[in-house]
Amino acid sequence: MRNYVNCFCRFLLNKTIDVMLYVDRLDGYRVDNLDKQVIRAITQSFGSQIWRIGVVVLTHAQFSPADGVEYLDFVSKRSAALQAVIQEAAGLKRSEKEVRNLY
């Protein structure tokens, strides 16, 4: 994982990053270790400031939550779980994060 991020870092050397898109699947029911490793690698390579210009995109394809679970509730919980991991990896305080859900 780290090698891929290092490759991107070398490519982006001396370039300005205006926005970073972090794309993940909505149908994940939890944030797993791979998610945490990727988020940590991004943070370590680009610094915690990268998350200030980051946009988390959740793809859904033909996903629908389990019976009895409202779609917006599921999306909110999934986003909150990812936000918590990003906040921890970036060392952000709760008051520093600015999150807008666009759904």
PDB file of N, CA and C in Angstrom:
ATOM      1  N   MET A   1       0.820  -1.187   0.000  1.00  0.00           N
ATOM      2  CA  MET A   1       0.000   0.000   0.000  1.00  0.00           C
ATOM      3  C   MET A   1       0.867   1.254   0.000  1.00  0.00           C
ATOM      4  N   ARG A   2       1.818   1.261   0.867  1.00  0.00           N
ATOM      5  CA  ARG A   2       2.699   2.426   1.009  1.00  0.00           C
ATOM      6  C   ARG A   2       3.422   2.725  -0.312  1.00  0.00           C
ATOM      7  N   ASN A   3       3.794   1.693  -1.070  1.00  0.00           N
ATOM      8  CA  ASN A   3       4.501   1.901  -2.337  1.00  0.00           C
ATOM      9  C   ASN A   3       3.647   2.657  -3.346  1.00  0.00           C
ATOM     10  N   TYR A   4       2.338   2.349  -3.397  1.00  0.00           N
ATOM     11  CA  TYR A   4       1.451   3.067  -4.308  1.00  0.00           C
ATOM     12  C   TYR A   4       1.368   4.542  -3.939  1.00  0.00           C
ATOM     13  N   VAL A   5       1.226   4.814  -2.655  1.00  0.00           N
ATOM     14  CA  VAL A   5       1.131   6.197  -2.195  1.00  0.00           C
ATOM     15  C   VAL A   5       2.437   6.927  -2.471  1.00  0.00           C
ATOM     16  N   ASN A   6       3.569   6.278  -2.237  1.00  0.00           N
ATOM     17  CA  ASN A   6       4.871   6.902  -2.529  1.00  0.00           C
ATOM     18  C   ASN A   6       5.005   7.239  -4.006  1.00  0.00           C
ATOM     19  N   CYS A   7       4.494   6.361  -4.859  1.00  0.00           N
ATOM     20  CA  CYS A   7       4.525   6.604  -6.307  1.00  0.00           C
ATOM     21  C   CYS A   7       3.725   7.867  -6.641  1.00  0.00           C
ATOM     22  N   PHE A   8       2.524   8.008  -6.034  1.00  0.00           N
ATOM     23  CA  PHE A   8       1.720   9.203  -6.255  1.00  0.00           C
ATOM     24  C   PHE A   8       2.427  10.438  -5.727  1.00  0.00           C
ATOM     25  N   CYS A   9       3.071  10.303  -4.571  1.00  0.00           N
ATOM     26  CA  CYS A   9       3.778  11.443  -3.984  1.00  0.00           C
ATOM     27  C   CYS A   9       4.881  11.934  -4.903  1.00  0.00           C
ATOM     28  N   ARG A  10       5.636  11.016  -5.470  1.00  0.00           N
ATOM     29  CA  ARG A  10       6.714  11.414  -6.396  1.00  0.00           C
ATOM     30  C   ARG A  10       6.134  12.112  -7.618  1.00  0.00           C
ATOM     31  N   PHE A  11       5.007  11.594  -8.126  1.00  0.00           N
ATOM     32  CA  PHE A  11       4.361  12.192  -9.286  1.00  0.00           C
ATOM     33  C   PHE A  11       3.886  13.606  -8.976  1.00  0.00           C
ATOM     34  N   LEU A  12       3.405  13.823  -7.767  1.00  0.00           N
ATOM     35  CA  LEU A  12       2.835  15.117  -7.382  1.00  0.00           C
ATOM     36  C   LEU A  12       3.848  16.099  -6.824  1.00  0.00           C
ATOM     37  N   LEU A  13       5.098  15.686  -6.757  1.00  0.00           N
ATOM     38  CA  LEU A  13       6.139  16.552  -6.224  1.00  0.00           C
ATOM     39  C   LEU A  13       6.164  17.872  -6.985  1.00  0.00           C
ATOM     40  N   ASN A  14       6.189  18.967  -6.267  1.00  0.00           N
ATOM     41  CA  ASN A  14       6.218  20.326  -6.829  1.00  0.00           C
ATOM     42  C   ASN A  14       4.956  20.702  -7.598  1.00  0.00           C
ATOM     43  N   LYS A  15       3.854  20.001  -7.339  1.00  0.00           N
ATOM     44  CA  LYS A  15       2.569  20.344  -7.952  1.00  0.00           C
ATOM     45  C   LYS A  15       1.616  20.767  -6.844  1.00  0.00           C
ATOM     46  N   THR A  16       0.670  21.618  -7.171  1.00  0.00           N
ATOM     47  CA  THR A  16      -0.332  22.053  -6.210  1.00  0.00           C
ATOM     48  C   THR A  16      -1.526  21.106  -6.272  1.00  0.00           C
ATOM     49  N   ILE A  17      -1.978  20.672  -5.113  1.00  0.00           N
ATOM     50  CA  ILE A  17      -3.163  19.819  -5.053  1.00  0.00           C
ATOM     51  C   ILE A  17      -4.330  20.707  -4.652  1.00  0.00           C
ATOM     52  N   ASP A  18      -5.344  20.778  -5.503  1.00  0.00           N
ATOM     53  CA  ASP A  18      -6.505  21.613  -5.233  1.00  0.00           C
ATOM     54  C   ASP A  18      -7.599  20.851  -4.498  1.00  0.00           C
ATOM     55  N   VAL A  19      -7.732  19.581  -4.789  1.00  0.00           N
ATOM     56  CA  VAL A  19      -8.757  18.759  -4.157  1.00  0.00           C
ATOM     57  C   VAL A  19      -8.317  17.300  -4.206  1.00  0.00           C
ATOM     58  N   MET A  20      -8.743  16.541  -3.208  1.00  0.00           N
ATOM     59  CA  MET A  20      -8.458  15.113  -3.193  1.00  0.00           C
ATOM     60  C   MET A  20      -9.787  14.391  -3.016  1.00  0.00           C
ATOM     61  N   LEU A  21     -10.063  13.447  -3.890  1.00  0.00           N
ATOM     62  CA  LEU A  21     -11.261  12.635  -3.780  1.00  0.00           C
ATOM     63  C   LEU A  21     -10.893  11.299  -3.165  1.00  0.00           C
ATOM     64  N   TYR A  22     -11.549  10.952  -2.078  1.00  0.00           N
ATOM     65  CA  TYR A  22     -11.380   9.639  -1.452  1.00  0.00           C
ATOM     66  C   TYR A  22     -12.656   8.875  -1.753  1.00  0.00           C
ATOM     67  N   VAL A  23     -12.556   7.884  -2.620  1.00  0.00           N
ATOM     68  CA  VAL A  23     -13.726   7.136  -3.080  1.00  0.00           C
ATOM     69  C   VAL A  23     -13.761   5.790  -2.375  1.00  0.00           C
ATOM     70  N   ASP A  24     -14.912   5.470  -1.803  1.00  0.00           N
ATOM     71  CA  ASP A  24     -15.087   4.213  -1.094  1.00  0.00           C
ATOM     72  C   ASP A  24     -16.480   3.675  -1.402  1.00  0.00           C
ATOM     73  N   ARG A  25     -16.673   2.409  -1.091  1.00  0.00           N
ATOM     74  CA  ARG A  25     -17.961   1.768  -1.334  1.00  0.00           C
ATOM     75  C   ARG A  25     -18.917   2.054  -0.183  1.00  0.00           C
ATOM     76  N   LEU A  26     -20.126   2.345  -0.528  1.00  0.00           N
ATOM     77  CA  LEU A  26     -21.148   2.582   0.482  1.00  0.00           C
ATOM     78  C   LEU A  26     -21.569   1.278   1.145  1.00  0.00           C
ATOM     79  N   ASP A  27     -21.504   0.188   0.421  1.00  0.00           N
ATOM     80  CA  ASP A  27     -22.053  -1.065   0.938  1.00  0.00           C
ATOM     81  C   ASP A  27     -21.170  -1.753   1.981  1.00  0.00           C
ATOM     82  N   GLY A  28     -20.085  -1.114   2.387  1.00  0.00           N
ATOM     83  CA  GLY A  28     -19.302  -1.648   3.487  1.00  0.00           C
ATOM     84  C   GLY A  28     -20.031  -1.379   4.792  1.00  0.00           C
ATOM     85  N   TYR A  29     -20.172  -2.385   5.595  1.00  0.00           N
ATOM     86  CA  TYR A  29     -20.927  -2.209   6.835  1.00  0.00           C
ATOM     87  C   TYR A  29     -20.055  -1.713   7.971  1.00  0.00           C
ATOM     88  N   ARG A  30     -18.758  -1.684   7.758  1.00  0.00           N
ATOM     89  CA  ARG A  30     -17.850  -1.186   8.779  1.00  0.00           C
ATOM     90  C   ARG A  30     -16.596  -0.680   8.093  1.00  0.00           C
ATOM     91  N   VAL A  31     -15.835   0.101   8.797  1.00  0.00           N
ATOM     92  CA  VAL A  31     -14.549   0.560   8.301  1.00  0.00           C
ATOM     93  C   VAL A  31     -13.545  -0.518   8.707  1.00  0.00           C
ATOM     94  N   ASP A  32     -12.946  -1.179   7.713  1.00  0.00           N
ATOM     95  CA  ASP A  32     -12.040  -2.285   8.038  1.00  0.00           C
ATOM     96  C   ASP A  32     -10.585  -1.825   8.087  1.00  0.00           C
ATOM     97  N   ASN A  33      -9.694  -2.765   8.354  1.00  0.00           N
ATOM     98  CA  ASN A  33      -8.270  -2.428   8.494  1.00  0.00           C
ATOM     99  C   ASN A  33      -7.673  -1.864   7.210  1.00  0.00           C
ATOM    100  N   LEU A  34      -8.108  -2.353   6.061  1.00  0.00           N
ATOM    101  CA  LEU A  34      -7.584  -1.826   4.797  1.00  0.00           C
ATOM    102  C   LEU A  34      -7.945  -0.345   4.642  1.00  0.00           C
ATOM    103  N   ASP A  35      -9.185   0.010   4.983  1.00  0.00           N
ATOM    104  CA  ASP A  35      -9.588   1.425   4.945  1.00  0.00           C
ATOM    105  C   ASP A  35      -8.668   2.255   5.837  1.00  0.00           C
ATOM    106  N   LYS A  36      -8.438   1.764   7.048  1.00  0.00           N
ATOM    107  CA  LYS A  36      -7.598   2.492   8.000  1.00  0.00           C
ATOM    108  C   LYS A  36      -6.167   2.622   7.495  1.00  0.00           C
ATOM    109  N   GLN A  37      -5.637   1.572   6.867  1.00  0.00           N
ATOM    110  CA  GLN A  37      -4.268   1.626   6.326  1.00  0.00           C
ATOM    111  C   GLN A  37      -4.168   2.656   5.212  1.00  0.00           C
ATOM    112  N   VAL A  38      -5.150   2.681   4.335  1.00  0.00           N
ATOM    113  CA  VAL A  38      -5.148   3.634   3.216  1.00  0.00           C
ATOM    114  C   VAL A  38      -5.225   5.069   3.749  1.00  0.00           C
ATOM    115  N   ILE A  39      -6.121   5.308   4.690  1.00  0.00           N
ATOM    116  CA  ILE A  39      -6.285   6.646   5.249  1.00  0.00           C
ATOM    117  C   ILE A  39      -5.013   7.087   5.972  1.00  0.00           C
ATOM    118  N   ARG A  40      -4.395   6.171   6.723  1.00  0.00           N
ATOM    119  CA  ARG A  40      -3.131   6.498   7.406  1.00  0.00           C
ATOM    120  C   ARG A  40      -2.026   6.793   6.399  1.00  0.00           C
ATOM    121  N   ALA A  41      -1.935   5.986   5.336  1.00  0.00           N
ATOM    122  CA  ALA A  41      -0.893   6.188   4.323  1.00  0.00           C
ATOM    123  C   ALA A  41      -1.062   7.541   3.629  1.00  0.00           C
ATOM    124  N   ILE A  42      -2.296   7.900   3.303  1.00  0.00           N
ATOM    125  CA  ILE A  42      -2.551   9.197   2.673  1.00  0.00           C
ATOM    126  C   ILE A  42      -2.131  10.322   3.620  1.00  0.00           C
ATOM    127  N   THR A  43      -2.522  10.198   4.886  1.00  0.00           N
ATOM    128  CA  THR A  43      -2.207  11.226   5.880  1.00  0.00           C
ATOM    129  C   THR A  43      -0.709  11.348   6.092  1.00  0.00           C
ATOM    130  N   GLN A  44      -0.015  10.223   6.200  1.00  0.00           N
ATOM    131  CA  GLN A  44       1.430  10.250   6.429  1.00  0.00           C
ATOM    132  C   GLN A  44       2.181  10.802   5.221  1.00  0.00           C
ATOM    133  N   SER A  45       1.691  10.510   4.040  1.00  0.00           N
ATOM    134  CA  SER A  45       2.392  10.938   2.832  1.00  0.00           C
ATOM    135  C   SER A  45       2.131  12.397   2.469  1.00  0.00           C
ATOM    136  N   PHE A  46       0.897  12.845   2.641  1.00  0.00           N
ATOM    137  CA  PHE A  46       0.531  14.195   2.213  1.00  0.00           C
ATOM    138  C   PHE A  46       0.325  15.161   3.371  1.00  0.00           C
ATOM    139  N   GLY A  47       0.320  14.660   4.585  1.00  0.00           N
ATOM    140  CA  GLY A  47       0.082  15.490   5.752  1.00  0.00           C
ATOM    141  C   GLY A  47      -1.396  15.581   6.068  1.00  0.00           C
ATOM    142  N   SER A  48      -1.701  15.927   7.297  1.00  0.00           N
ATOM    143  CA  SER A  48      -3.103  15.973   7.722  1.00  0.00           C
ATOM    144  C   SER A  48      -3.893  17.056   6.989  1.00  0.00           C
ATOM    145  N   GLN A  49      -3.206  18.049   6.457  1.00  0.00           N
ATOM    146  CA  GLN A  49      -3.893  19.134   5.742  1.00  0.00           C
ATOM    147  C   GLN A  49      -4.604  18.653   4.480  1.00  0.00           C
ATOM    148  N   ILE A  50      -4.203  17.503   3.953  1.00  0.00           N
ATOM    149  CA  ILE A  50      -4.835  16.975   2.736  1.00  0.00           C
ATOM    150  C   ILE A  50      -6.326  16.756   2.954  1.00  0.00           C
ATOM    151  N   TRP A  51      -6.721  16.428   4.182  1.00  0.00           N
ATOM    152  CA  TRP A  51      -8.131  16.165   4.462  1.00  0.00           C
ATOM    153  C   TRP A  51      -8.964  17.428   4.493  1.00  0.00           C
ATOM    154  N   ARG A  52      -8.318  18.585   4.576  1.00  0.00           N
ATOM    155  CA  ARG A  52      -9.060  19.849   4.536  1.00  0.00           C
ATOM    156  C   ARG A  52      -9.545  20.151   3.116  1.00  0.00           C
ATOM    157  N   ILE A  53      -8.887  19.554   2.129  1.00  0.00           N
ATOM    158  CA  ILE A  53      -9.319  19.731   0.740  1.00  0.00           C
ATOM    159  C   ILE A  53      -9.849  18.422   0.173  1.00  0.00           C
ATOM    160  N   GLY A  54     -10.100  17.479   1.064  1.00  0.00           N
ATOM    161  CA  GLY A  54     -10.575  16.168   0.644  1.00  0.00           C
ATOM    162  C   GLY A  54     -12.091  16.091   0.583  1.00  0.00           C
ATOM    163  N   VAL A  55     -12.556  15.312  -0.359  1.00  0.00           N
ATOM    164  CA  VAL A  55     -13.982  15.031  -0.510  1.00  0.00           C
ATOM    165  C   VAL A  55     -14.135  13.517  -0.446  1.00  0.00           C
ATOM    166  N   VAL A  56     -14.965  13.047   0.471  1.00  0.00           N
ATOM    167  CA  VAL A  56     -15.226  11.614   0.578  1.00  0.00           C
ATOM    168  C   VAL A  56     -16.433  11.308  -0.293  1.00  0.00           C
ATOM    169  N   VAL A  57     -16.233  10.392  -1.239  1.00  0.00           N
ATOM    170  CA  VAL A  57     -17.276  10.001  -2.178  1.00  0.00           C
ATOM    171  C   VAL A  57     -17.631   8.555  -1.895  1.00  0.00           C
ATOM    172  N   LEU A  58     -18.908   8.306  -1.657  1.00  0.00           N
ATOM    173  CA  LEU A  58     -19.363   6.935  -1.427  1.00  0.00           C
ATOM    174  C   LEU A  58     -20.163   6.484  -2.638  1.00  0.00           C
ATOM    175  N   THR A  59     -19.701   5.415  -3.282  1.00  0.00           N
ATOM    176  CA  THR A  59     -20.401   4.879  -4.443  1.00  0.00           C
ATOM    177  C   THR A  59     -21.413   3.851  -3.961  1.00  0.00           C
ATOM    178  N   HIS A  60     -22.506   3.714  -4.702  1.00  0.00           N
ATOM    179  CA  HIS A  60     -23.524   2.785  -4.226  1.00  0.00           C
ATOM    180  C   HIS A  60     -24.008   1.793  -5.263  1.00  0.00           C
ATOM    181  N   ALA A  61     -23.807   2.039  -6.532  1.00  0.00           N
ATOM    182  CA  ALA A  61     -24.270   1.141  -7.598  1.00  0.00           C
ATOM    183  C   ALA A  61     -25.729   0.776  -7.347  1.00  0.00           C
ATOM    184  N   GLN A  62     -26.022  -0.507  -7.197  1.00  0.00           N
ATOM    185  CA  GLN A  62     -27.400  -0.924  -6.974  1.00  0.00           C
ATOM    186  C   GLN A  62     -27.618  -1.357  -5.532  1.00  0.00           C
ATOM    187  N   PHE A  63     -26.911  -0.725  -4.637  1.00  0.00           N
ATOM    188  CA  PHE A  63     -26.973  -1.087  -3.232  1.00  0.00           C
ATOM    189  C   PHE A  63     -28.270  -0.628  -2.585  1.00  0.00           C
ATOM    190  N   SER A  64     -28.812  -1.484  -1.757  1.00  0.00           N
ATOM    191  CA  SER A  64     -29.915  -1.075  -0.887  1.00  0.00           C
ATOM    192  C   SER A  64     -29.665  -1.709   0.478  1.00  0.00           C
ATOM    193  N   PRO A  65     -29.894  -0.965   1.552  1.00  0.00           N
ATOM    194  CA  PRO A  65     -29.626  -1.493   2.892  1.00  0.00           C
ATOM    195  C   PRO A  65     -30.570  -2.637   3.242  1.00  0.00           C
ATOM    196  N   ALA A  66     -30.231  -3.329   4.317  1.00  0.00           N
ATOM    197  CA  ALA A  66     -31.048  -4.452   4.774  1.00  0.00           C
ATOM    198  C   ALA A  66     -32.463  -3.981   5.088  1.00  0.00           C
ATOM    199  N   ASP A  67     -33.383  -4.913   5.075  1.00  0.00           N
ATOM    200  CA  ASP A  67     -34.781  -4.587   5.374  1.00  0.00           C
ATOM    201  C   ASP A  67     -34.900  -3.892   6.717  1.00  0.00           C
ATOM    202  N   GLY A  68     -35.706  -2.860   6.750  1.00  0.00           N
ATOM    203  CA  GLY A  68     -35.946  -2.140   7.983  1.00  0.00           C
ATOM    204  C   GLY A  68     -34.969  -1.007   8.247  1.00  0.00           C
ATOM    205  N   VAL A  69     -33.936  -0.877   7.433  1.00  0.00           N
ATOM    206  CA  VAL A  69     -32.945   0.188   7.612  1.00  0.00           C
ATOM    207  C   VAL A  69     -33.187   1.253   6.549  1.00  0.00           C
ATOM    208  N   GLU A  70     -33.392   2.472   6.993  1.00  0.00           N
ATOM    209  CA  GLU A  70     -33.593   3.575   6.055  1.00  0.00           C
ATOM    210  C   GLU A  70     -32.293   3.894   5.334  1.00  0.00           C
ATOM    211  N   TYR A  71     -32.385   4.194   4.052  1.00  0.00           N
ATOM    212  CA  TYR A  71     -31.203   4.472   3.227  1.00  0.00           C
ATOM    213  C   TYR A  71     -30.388   5.635   3.795  1.00  0.00           C
ATOM    214  N   LEU A  72     -31.045   6.750   4.118  1.00  0.00           N
ATOM    215  CA  LEU A  72     -30.326   7.918   4.628  1.00  0.00           C
ATOM    216  C   LEU A  72     -29.673   7.642   5.975  1.00  0.00           C
ATOM    217  N   ASP A  73     -30.301   6.830   6.802  1.00  0.00           N
ATOM    218  CA  ASP A  73     -29.690   6.459   8.086  1.00  0.00           C
ATOM    219  C   ASP A  73     -28.422   5.649   7.853  1.00  0.00           C
ATOM    220  N   PHE A  74     -28.493   4.708   6.907  1.00  0.00           N
ATOM    221  CA  PHE A  74     -27.327   3.888   6.608  1.00  0.00           C
ATOM    222  C   PHE A  74     -26.187   4.747   6.074  1.00  0.00           C
ATOM    223  N   VAL A  75     -26.500   5.654   5.157  1.00  0.00           N
ATOM    224  CA  VAL A  75     -25.491   6.544   4.582  1.00  0.00           C
ATOM    225  C   VAL A  75     -24.863   7.407   5.679  1.00  0.00           C
ATOM    226  N   SER A  76     -25.685   7.931   6.565  1.00  0.00           N
ATOM    227  CA  SER A  76     -25.176   8.766   7.658  1.00  0.00           C
ATOM    228  C   SER A  76     -24.221   7.996   8.556  1.00  0.00           C
ATOM    229  N   LYS A  77     -24.576   6.767   8.894  1.00  0.00           N
ATOM    230  CA  LYS A  77     -23.722   5.949   9.761  1.00  0.00           C
ATOM    231  C   LYS A  77     -22.417   5.584   9.064  1.00  0.00           C
ATOM    232  N   ARG A  78     -22.489   5.231   7.782  1.00  0.00           N
ATOM    233  CA  ARG A  78     -21.280   4.882   7.021  1.00  0.00           C
ATOM    234  C   ARG A  78     -20.371   6.099   6.908  1.00  0.00           C
ATOM    235  N   SER A  79     -20.935   7.275   6.609  1.00  0.00           N
ATOM    236  CA  SER A  79     -20.118   8.488   6.502  1.00  0.00           C
ATOM    237  C   SER A  79     -19.490   8.837   7.838  1.00  0.00           C
ATOM    238  N   ALA A  80     -20.264   8.720   8.914  1.00  0.00           N
ATOM    239  CA  ALA A  80     -19.744   9.043  10.243  1.00  0.00           C
ATOM    240  C   ALA A  80     -18.583   8.134  10.612  1.00  0.00           C
ATOM    241  N   ALA A  81     -18.680   6.848  10.250  1.00  0.00           N
ATOM    242  CA  ALA A  81     -17.597   5.906  10.559  1.00  0.00           C
ATOM    243  C   ALA A  81     -16.322   6.287   9.812  1.00  0.00           C
ATOM    244  N   LEU A  82     -16.438   6.627   8.532  1.00  0.00           N
ATOM    245  CA  LEU A  82     -15.262   7.047   7.753  1.00  0.00           C
ATOM    246  C   LEU A  82     -14.707   8.366   8.275  1.00  0.00           C
ATOM    247  N   GLN A  83     -15.581   9.299   8.607  1.00  0.00           N
ATOM    248  CA  GLN A  83     -15.141  10.588   9.134  1.00  0.00           C
ATOM    249  C   GLN A  83     -14.364  10.415  10.430  1.00  0.00           C
ATOM    250  N   ALA A  84     -14.811   9.501  11.273  1.00  0.00           N
ATOM    251  CA  ALA A  84     -14.131   9.272  12.549  1.00  0.00           C
ATOM    252  C   ALA A  84     -12.719   8.740  12.326  1.00  0.00           C
ATOM    253  N   VAL A  85     -12.549   7.826  11.371  1.00  0.00           N
ATOM    254  CA  VAL A  85     -11.223   7.271  11.076  1.00  0.00           C
ATOM    255  C   VAL A  85     -10.325   8.345  10.473  1.00  0.00           C
ATOM    256  N   ILE A  86     -10.859   9.141   9.576  1.00  0.00           N
ATOM    257  CA  ILE A  86     -10.078  10.229   8.967  1.00  0.00           C
ATOM    258  C   ILE A  86      -9.687  11.243  10.034  1.00  0.00           C
ATOM    259  N   GLN A  87     -10.635  11.596  10.885  1.00  0.00           N
ATOM    260  CA  GLN A  87     -10.367  12.561  11.953  1.00  0.00           C
ATOM    261  C   GLN A  87      -9.258  12.052  12.859  1.00  0.00           C
ATOM    262  N   GLU A  88      -9.293  10.770  13.209  1.00  0.00           N
ATOM    263  CA  GLU A  88      -8.257  10.189  14.065  1.00  0.00           C
ATOM    264  C   GLU A  88      -6.902  10.174  13.365  1.00  0.00           C
ATOM    265  N   ALA A  89      -6.877   9.740  12.099  1.00  0.00           N
ATOM    266  CA  ALA A  89      -5.617   9.655  11.358  1.00  0.00           C
ATOM    267  C   ALA A  89      -4.992  11.027  11.146  1.00  0.00           C
ATOM    268  N   ALA A  90      -5.846  12.033  10.910  1.00  0.00           N
ATOM    269  CA  ALA A  90      -5.347  13.380  10.643  1.00  0.00           C
ATOM    270  C   ALA A  90      -5.077  14.155  11.922  1.00  0.00           C
ATOM    271  N   GLY A  91      -5.489  13.620  13.054  1.00  0.00           N
ATOM    272  CA  GLY A  91      -5.287  14.316  14.317  1.00  0.00           C
ATOM    273  C   GLY A  91      -6.133  15.571  14.438  1.00  0.00           C
ATOM    274  N   LEU A  92      -7.292  15.563  13.812  1.00  0.00           N
ATOM    275  CA  LEU A  92      -8.174  16.727  13.856  1.00  0.00           C
ATOM    276  C   LEU A  92      -9.059  16.681  15.095  1.00  0.00           C
ATOM    277  N   LYS A  93      -9.304  17.823  15.652  1.00  0.00           N
ATOM    278  CA  LYS A  93     -10.261  17.929  16.744  1.00  0.00           C
ATOM    279  C   LYS A  93     -11.650  18.000  16.134  1.00  0.00           C
ATOM    280  N   ARG A  94     -12.639  17.616  16.895  1.00  0.00           N
ATOM    281  CA  ARG A  94     -14.017  17.653  16.391  1.00  0.00           C
ATOM    282  C   ARG A  94     -14.395  19.028  15.845  1.00  0.00           C
ATOM    283  N   SER A  95     -13.932  20.079  16.499  1.00  0.00           N
ATOM    284  CA  SER A  95     -14.299  21.432  16.085  1.00  0.00           C
ATOM    285  C   SER A  95     -13.624  21.834  14.778  1.00  0.00           C
ATOM    286  N   GLU A  96     -12.571  21.104  14.366  1.00  0.00           N
ATOM    287  CA  GLU A  96     -11.841  21.468  13.153  1.00  0.00           C
ATOM    288  C   GLU A  96     -12.439  20.875  11.890  1.00  0.00           C
ATOM    289  N   LYS A  97     -13.221  19.830  12.039  1.00  0.00           N
ATOM    290  CA  LYS A  97     -13.727  19.191  10.828  1.00  0.00           C
ATOM    291  C   LYS A  97     -14.949  19.912  10.299  1.00  0.00           C
ATOM    292  N   GLU A  98     -15.031  19.993   9.034  1.00  0.00           N
ATOM    293  CA  GLU A  98     -16.184  20.576   8.384  1.00  0.00           C
ATOM    294  C   GLU A  98     -16.705  19.536   7.425  1.00  0.00           C
ATOM    295  N   VAL A  99     -17.894  19.048   7.690  1.00  0.00           N
ATOM    296  CA  VAL A  99     -18.438  17.964   6.895  1.00  0.00           C
ATOM    297  C   VAL A  99     -19.799  18.376   6.368  1.00  0.00           C
ATOM    298  N   ARG A 100     -19.986  18.151   5.101  1.00  0.00           N
ATOM    299  CA  ARG A 100     -21.287  18.400   4.485  1.00  0.00           C
ATOM    300  C   ARG A 100     -21.709  17.129   3.786  1.00  0.00           C
ATOM    301  N   ASN A 101     -22.857  16.646   4.140  1.00  0.00           N
ATOM    302  CA  ASN A 101     -23.408  15.476   3.456  1.00  0.00           C
ATOM    303  C   ASN A 101     -24.244  15.961   2.292  1.00  0.00           C
ATOM    304  N   LEU A 102     -23.932  15.467   1.118  1.00  0.00           N
ATOM    305  CA  LEU A 102     -24.641  15.884  -0.095  1.00  0.00           C
ATOM    306  C   LEU A 102     -25.402  14.692  -0.674  1.00  0.00           C
ATOM    307  N   TYR A 103     -26.494  14.376  -0.088  1.00  0.00           N
ATOM    308  CA  TYR A 103     -27.325  13.279  -0.612  1.00  0.00           C
ATOM    309  C   TYR A 103     -28.767  13.625  -0.481  1.00  0.00           C
TER     310      TYR A 103
END
